[in-house]
Protein backbone atom coordinates (compact mmCIF):
# COMPACT_ATOMS: atom_id res chain seq x y z
CA MET A 1 11.21 42.28 -60.84
CA LYS A 2 13.64 39.40 -60.42
CA LYS A 3 12.12 35.96 -60.90
CA ILE A 4 13.21 32.72 -59.24
CA ILE A 5 12.03 29.28 -60.36
CA VAL A 6 11.71 26.62 -57.65
CA LEU A 7 11.91 23.09 -59.03
CA HIS A 8 10.57 20.23 -56.90
CA GLY A 9 11.48 16.75 -58.08
CA VAL A 10 10.17 13.24 -57.84
CA ASN A 11 7.95 12.28 -54.87
CA LEU A 12 8.13 15.74 -53.31
CA ASN A 13 4.38 16.12 -53.83
CA MET A 14 4.18 13.59 -51.00
CA PHE A 15 5.66 15.91 -48.38
CA GLY A 16 3.40 15.77 -45.34
CA LYS A 17 2.57 12.12 -45.99
CA ARG A 18 5.99 10.58 -46.54
CA ASP A 19 8.52 9.78 -43.79
CA PRO A 20 7.74 12.55 -41.28
CA VAL A 21 10.94 11.73 -39.34
CA GLN A 22 13.01 12.95 -42.31
CA TYR A 23 10.68 15.52 -43.85
CA GLY A 24 8.30 16.66 -41.12
CA THR A 25 4.58 17.06 -41.71
CA ILE A 26 4.60 20.18 -43.86
CA THR A 27 2.99 19.75 -47.28
CA LEU A 28 4.40 20.91 -50.60
CA LYS A 29 1.61 23.47 -50.85
CA GLU A 30 2.61 24.89 -47.45
CA ILE A 31 6.27 24.96 -48.51
CA ASP A 32 5.35 26.85 -51.68
CA GLU A 33 3.30 29.31 -49.60
CA LYS A 34 6.27 29.97 -47.29
CA ILE A 35 8.54 30.46 -50.28
CA ALA A 36 6.06 32.90 -51.85
CA LYS A 37 5.76 34.87 -48.60
CA LEU A 38 9.54 35.25 -48.27
CA ALA A 39 9.87 36.09 -51.96
CA ASN A 40 7.38 38.91 -51.47
CA GLU A 41 9.40 40.22 -48.51
CA LEU A 42 12.59 40.04 -50.61
CA GLY A 43 10.96 41.79 -53.56
CA VAL A 44 11.25 38.90 -56.02
CA SER A 45 8.68 36.73 -57.72
CA VAL A 46 8.71 32.95 -57.61
CA GLU A 47 7.25 30.20 -59.72
CA CYS A 48 7.10 26.74 -58.16
CA PHE A 49 7.00 23.61 -60.31
CA GLN A 50 6.80 19.94 -59.29
CA THR A 51 6.89 16.81 -61.40
CA ASN A 52 7.38 13.09 -60.97
CA TYR A 53 8.56 12.72 -64.57
CA GLU A 54 12.26 13.16 -65.26
CA GLY A 55 11.74 14.19 -68.88
CA GLU A 56 9.23 16.82 -67.82
CA MET A 57 11.79 18.25 -65.37
CA VAL A 58 14.40 18.37 -68.14
CA GLU A 59 11.90 20.10 -70.44
CA LYS A 60 11.13 22.68 -67.72
CA ILE A 61 14.83 23.42 -67.31
CA HIS A 62 15.18 23.79 -71.09
CA GLN A 63 12.20 26.18 -71.02
CA ILE A 64 13.90 28.26 -68.31
CA HIS A 65 17.00 28.48 -70.51
CA GLU A 66 15.00 29.46 -73.60
CA GLN A 67 13.05 32.10 -71.67
CA TRP A 68 16.29 33.56 -70.31
CA ILE A 69 17.94 33.60 -73.76
CA ASP A 70 14.86 35.02 -75.51
CA GLU A 71 14.18 37.45 -72.64
CA GLN A 72 10.52 36.40 -72.68
CA THR A 73 10.65 36.42 -68.90
CA ASP A 74 13.13 37.75 -66.41
CA VAL A 75 14.24 34.42 -64.91
CA ASN A 76 17.24 35.19 -62.74
CA GLY A 77 17.81 32.08 -60.63
CA VAL A 78 16.76 28.53 -59.85
CA ILE A 79 16.33 26.58 -56.64
CA ILE A 80 16.13 22.82 -57.10
CA ASN A 81 15.28 19.93 -54.85
CA ALA A 82 15.56 17.08 -57.33
CA GLY A 83 14.55 14.45 -54.77
CA ALA A 84 15.97 11.01 -55.62
CA TRP A 85 17.08 12.30 -59.05
CA THR A 86 19.79 14.19 -57.12
CA HIS A 87 21.73 10.96 -56.79
CA TYR A 88 21.63 9.60 -60.33
CA SER A 89 20.07 11.88 -62.95
CA TYR A 90 22.80 12.94 -65.33
CA ALA A 91 20.01 14.14 -67.63
CA ILE A 92 18.92 16.73 -65.06
CA MET A 93 22.54 17.63 -64.32
CA ASP A 94 23.23 18.17 -68.02
CA ALA A 95 20.09 20.29 -68.40
CA LEU A 96 21.03 22.46 -65.40
CA ALA A 97 24.57 22.87 -66.75
CA VAL A 98 23.16 24.81 -69.71
CA LEU A 99 21.71 27.51 -67.45
CA GLU A 100 23.71 30.71 -67.19
CA ILE A 101 21.92 31.84 -64.04
CA PRO A 102 22.59 30.86 -60.41
CA VAL A 103 21.29 27.43 -59.36
CA VAL A 104 21.07 26.47 -55.67
CA GLU A 105 20.42 22.87 -54.58
CA VAL A 106 18.27 22.28 -51.49
CA HIS A 107 17.09 19.27 -49.50
CA MET A 108 14.77 19.09 -46.51
CA SER A 109 16.79 16.29 -44.87
CA ASN A 110 20.53 16.10 -44.33
CA ILE A 111 21.40 13.82 -47.24
CA HIS A 112 24.92 13.36 -45.83
CA ALA A 113 23.58 11.78 -42.63
CA ARG A 114 21.36 9.26 -44.40
CA GLU A 115 21.90 6.12 -46.46
CA PRO A 116 25.24 6.05 -48.30
CA PHE A 117 23.68 6.33 -51.78
CA ARG A 118 22.20 9.70 -50.74
CA HIS A 119 25.62 11.15 -49.89
CA VAL A 120 26.39 11.73 -53.56
CA SER A 121 24.73 14.50 -55.55
CA VAL A 122 25.40 14.38 -59.27
CA ILE A 123 23.96 17.89 -59.62
CA SER A 124 26.12 19.57 -56.95
CA PRO A 125 29.14 20.12 -59.21
CA ILE A 126 27.13 22.48 -61.42
CA THR A 127 25.24 24.34 -58.69
CA LYS A 128 26.48 27.38 -56.79
CA GLY A 129 25.89 25.55 -53.52
CA GLN A 130 23.85 23.07 -51.54
CA ILE A 131 21.69 23.62 -48.45
CA CYS A 132 20.36 20.56 -46.64
CA GLY A 133 19.05 19.34 -43.33
CA PHE A 134 16.97 22.33 -42.24
CA GLY A 135 13.49 21.19 -43.28
CA VAL A 136 11.46 23.91 -44.96
CA ASN A 137 14.15 26.40 -43.94
CA SER A 138 16.45 24.76 -46.52
CA TYR A 139 14.16 26.23 -49.19
CA LEU A 140 14.04 29.63 -47.48
CA LEU A 141 17.81 29.73 -47.04
CA GLY A 142 18.11 28.68 -50.68
CA LEU A 143 15.90 31.58 -51.73
CA ARG A 144 18.03 34.01 -49.74
CA ALA A 145 21.18 32.50 -51.25
CA VAL A 146 19.99 32.74 -54.85
CA CYS A 147 18.84 36.34 -54.28
CA SER A 148 22.27 37.19 -52.90
CA LEU A 149 23.95 35.55 -55.88
CA ILE A 150 21.75 37.51 -58.29
CA GLU A 151 22.62 40.76 -56.55
CA SER A 152 26.35 40.02 -56.84
CA ILE A 153 26.16 39.56 -60.62
């Protein structure tokens, strides 16, 4: 069975409490449940991971790479919402660049319609694509996109 890792970055554990105008009232747990439900329908497994520590996110990405190389698990794709790290974390970008599997970037809000510093994503150049502005559906569209990319390999 194909496996997709969903990486949630800094402050995303605060979904449902933080800025409902931008992010709605859905919690991270509810987002993960919706992702798992769609993954089941699509016949793939998902593992969701959230951290507020940049180094821990980098370590998780390294672990994904090692698991793929060593074939310990069948990790076939990654969906990432890096939160604020999107705009400045070259460490996360460099870690993602090592992956040889499809990576899709997602954001709940439309980062291009917000403050100017949010318009730039340092991770976009190494992802297959970016989906933003559709709330929880950004994650679901991202899951469909990464599944499609896996099938085309």
